[in-house]
Amino acid sequence: MKKEEPKLVIKSTYNYLYEFLNRNAITCLILVILGIIAVQADVLLYFIIILIAYIVFLVGSTIYNKLKYEANDFKFYNTKLVYINSLIHHEVKEVEYKNIKEIRYSQLFLQMLFSLGTIYIRIDSDKMFHRGIRIDGVKNVKEEYEKLAKILNAK
């Protein structure tokens, strides 16, 4: 028996600059202000310690988030979506198209600048915390959404 090929594969794209601006811009602004205050208050050493701790956190969270984006695959076949997460342990979830209630996409201003967006897939589930799938960092989100809508409408 021949293995079925997916009609569409959506992968999240990790954009370093977008993620930095989205997650850390305000924190960096606060650090600049605190740095100015630290110089004037003559407590620069404490500020440097806090800055080093923040940089270590920033590097660690960046590595984790990039690995998280790369570990997710969303494969759309004739009748089902197969979600594969292989970050910490290999996990595969299947959702039949008949259980998909709604799809939509969003693109915030900052995402538009980087041609990124988010696709939301709402599923019919009785589990409170498993009612949807969110695909972040979708490059050219409108085009990917249109391809997905075409596949789902053909079901």
Protein backbone atom coordinates (compact mmCIF):
# COMPACT_ATOMS: atom_id res chain seq x y z
CA MET A 1 0.00 0.00 0.00
CA LYS A 2 1.34 3.39 -1.01
CA LYS A 3 1.79 5.96 1.73
CA GLU A 4 -0.42 9.02 1.28
CA GLU A 5 1.41 12.29 0.68
CA PRO A 6 0.15 15.40 2.48
CA LYS A 7 -1.69 17.99 0.40
CA LEU A 8 -0.17 20.79 2.49
CA VAL A 9 2.57 21.04 5.11
CA ILE A 10 2.75 24.14 7.30
CA LYS A 11 5.91 24.82 9.30
CA SER A 12 6.42 27.64 11.72
CA THR A 13 9.17 30.08 10.79
CA TYR A 14 11.31 31.48 13.59
CA ASN A 15 12.32 35.05 12.77
CA TYR A 16 14.85 36.26 15.34
CA LEU A 17 14.20 39.98 14.92
CA TYR A 18 10.41 39.63 14.99
CA GLU A 19 10.50 37.38 18.06
CA PHE A 20 12.93 39.71 19.83
CA LEU A 21 10.81 42.79 19.14
CA ASN A 22 7.57 40.99 19.97
CA ARG A 23 8.75 39.49 23.26
CA ASN A 24 11.48 41.82 24.53
CA ALA A 25 11.16 45.37 23.18
CA ILE A 26 9.47 46.78 26.28
CA THR A 27 11.85 44.94 28.61
CA CYS A 28 14.84 46.38 26.73
CA LEU A 29 13.38 49.86 26.97
CA ILE A 30 12.95 49.40 30.72
CA LEU A 31 16.56 48.15 30.98
CA VAL A 32 17.83 51.26 29.19
CA ILE A 33 15.93 53.48 31.62
CA LEU A 34 17.19 51.45 34.59
CA GLY A 35 20.73 51.68 33.20
CA ILE A 36 20.53 55.46 33.10
CA ILE A 37 19.19 55.51 36.66
CA ALA A 38 21.90 53.05 37.78
CA VAL A 39 24.68 55.27 36.39
CA GLN A 40 23.25 58.34 38.12
CA ALA A 41 22.64 56.49 41.41
CA ASP A 42 26.14 54.96 41.32
CA VAL A 43 24.87 51.34 41.47
CA LEU A 44 26.18 50.28 38.09
CA LEU A 45 27.52 46.95 39.37
CA TYR A 46 24.02 45.79 40.40
CA PHE A 47 22.66 46.83 37.04
CA ILE A 48 25.39 44.89 35.21
CA ILE A 49 24.53 41.76 37.22
CA ILE A 50 20.84 42.13 36.33
CA LEU A 51 21.76 42.78 32.68
CA ILE A 52 23.92 39.64 32.50
CA ALA A 53 21.12 37.56 34.05
CA TYR A 54 18.66 38.96 31.51
CA ILE A 55 20.99 38.21 28.59
CA VAL A 56 21.42 34.61 29.81
CA PHE A 57 17.61 34.30 30.05
CA LEU A 58 17.21 35.87 26.60
CA VAL A 59 19.67 33.47 24.96
CA GLY A 60 18.09 30.46 26.69
CA SER A 61 14.54 31.42 25.76
CA THR A 62 15.57 32.17 22.16
CA ILE A 63 17.17 28.74 21.77
CA TYR A 64 14.13 27.04 23.32
CA ASN A 65 11.63 28.94 21.15
CA LYS A 66 13.58 28.26 17.94
CA LEU A 67 13.71 24.54 18.78
CA LYS A 68 9.98 24.60 19.59
CA TYR A 69 9.14 26.16 16.22
CA GLU A 70 11.33 23.67 14.35
CA ALA A 71 9.85 20.67 16.20
CA ASN A 72 6.29 21.23 14.97
CA ASP A 73 4.87 19.93 11.69
CA PHE A 74 1.30 20.37 10.55
CA LYS A 75 0.45 18.00 7.71
CA PHE A 76 -2.90 18.19 5.95
CA TYR A 77 -4.03 15.05 4.12
CA ASN A 78 -7.27 14.24 2.26
CA THR A 79 -9.36 13.71 5.40
CA LYS A 80 -7.26 14.68 8.40
CA LEU A 81 -4.69 16.96 9.96
CA VAL A 82 -1.66 15.30 11.53
CA TYR A 83 0.21 17.42 14.08
CA ILE A 84 3.70 16.23 14.98
CA ASN A 85 5.60 17.66 17.94
CA SER A 86 9.07 16.26 18.52
CA LEU A 87 10.60 18.78 20.91
CA ILE A 88 10.89 16.87 24.19
CA HIS A 89 9.16 13.65 23.24
CA HIS A 90 7.67 12.52 19.96
CA GLU A 91 3.95 13.26 19.95
CA VAL A 92 1.52 12.76 17.07
CA LYS A 93 -2.09 13.97 17.07
CA GLU A 94 -4.65 13.44 14.34
CA VAL A 95 -7.75 15.54 13.80
CA GLU A 96 -10.36 14.44 11.28
CA TYR A 97 -11.59 17.31 9.13
CA LYS A 98 -15.16 16.61 10.26
CA ASN A 99 -14.05 17.76 13.76
CA ILE A 100 -12.70 21.11 12.52
CA LYS A 101 -15.29 23.79 13.22
CA GLU A 102 -13.48 26.93 12.08
CA ILE A 103 -10.21 28.16 10.66
CA ARG A 104 -8.98 31.73 10.67
CA TYR A 105 -5.77 33.67 10.51
CA SER A 106 -4.51 36.86 12.06
CA GLN A 107 -1.67 39.16 11.25
CA LEU A 108 -0.73 41.90 13.68
CA PHE A 109 1.08 45.02 12.49
CA LEU A 110 4.51 43.74 13.55
CA GLN A 111 3.80 40.38 11.90
CA MET A 112 2.89 42.16 8.65
CA LEU A 113 6.32 43.79 8.59
CA PHE A 114 7.92 40.33 8.61
CA SER A 115 5.31 38.59 6.36
CA LEU A 116 4.29 36.33 9.25
CA GLY A 117 0.98 35.44 10.86
CA THR A 118 -0.92 32.93 12.93
CA ILE A 119 -3.43 30.32 11.80
CA TYR A 120 -6.06 29.18 14.30
CA ILE A 121 -7.93 25.91 13.88
CA ARG A 122 -10.92 25.46 16.20
CA ILE A 123 -11.88 21.85 16.74
CA ASP A 124 -14.94 20.18 18.21
CA SER A 125 -13.73 18.77 21.51
CA ASP A 126 -15.27 18.16 24.89
CA LYS A 127 -11.90 18.77 26.56
CA MET A 128 -11.70 22.30 27.91
CA PHE A 129 -8.04 22.89 27.03
CA HIS A 130 -7.97 21.06 23.68
CA ARG A 131 -10.36 23.08 21.59
CA GLY A 132 -7.94 24.36 19.05
CA ILE A 133 -4.61 24.40 17.33
CA ARG A 134 -2.52 27.50 16.91
CA ILE A 135 0.18 27.68 14.25
CA ASP A 136 2.50 30.62 14.95
CA GLY A 137 5.12 32.06 12.65
CA VAL A 138 3.41 31.14 9.39
CA LYS A 139 5.27 32.73 6.50
CA ASN A 140 2.90 34.33 3.94
CA VAL A 141 -0.02 33.49 6.20
CA LYS A 142 -2.79 34.65 3.87
CA GLU A 143 -1.64 32.36 1.06
CA GLU A 144 -1.18 29.40 3.43
CA TYR A 145 -4.63 30.04 4.92
CA GLU A 146 -6.21 30.10 1.44
CA LYS A 147 -4.54 26.78 0.55
CA LEU A 148 -5.79 25.28 3.81
CA ALA A 149 -9.33 26.61 3.29
CA LYS A 150 -9.39 25.09 -0.19
CA ILE A 151 -8.39 21.67 1.19
CA LEU A 152 -10.96 21.81 3.97
CA ASN A 153 -13.74 22.98 1.66
CA ALA A 154 -13.02 20.04 -0.64
CA LYS A 155 -13.62 17.51 2.17
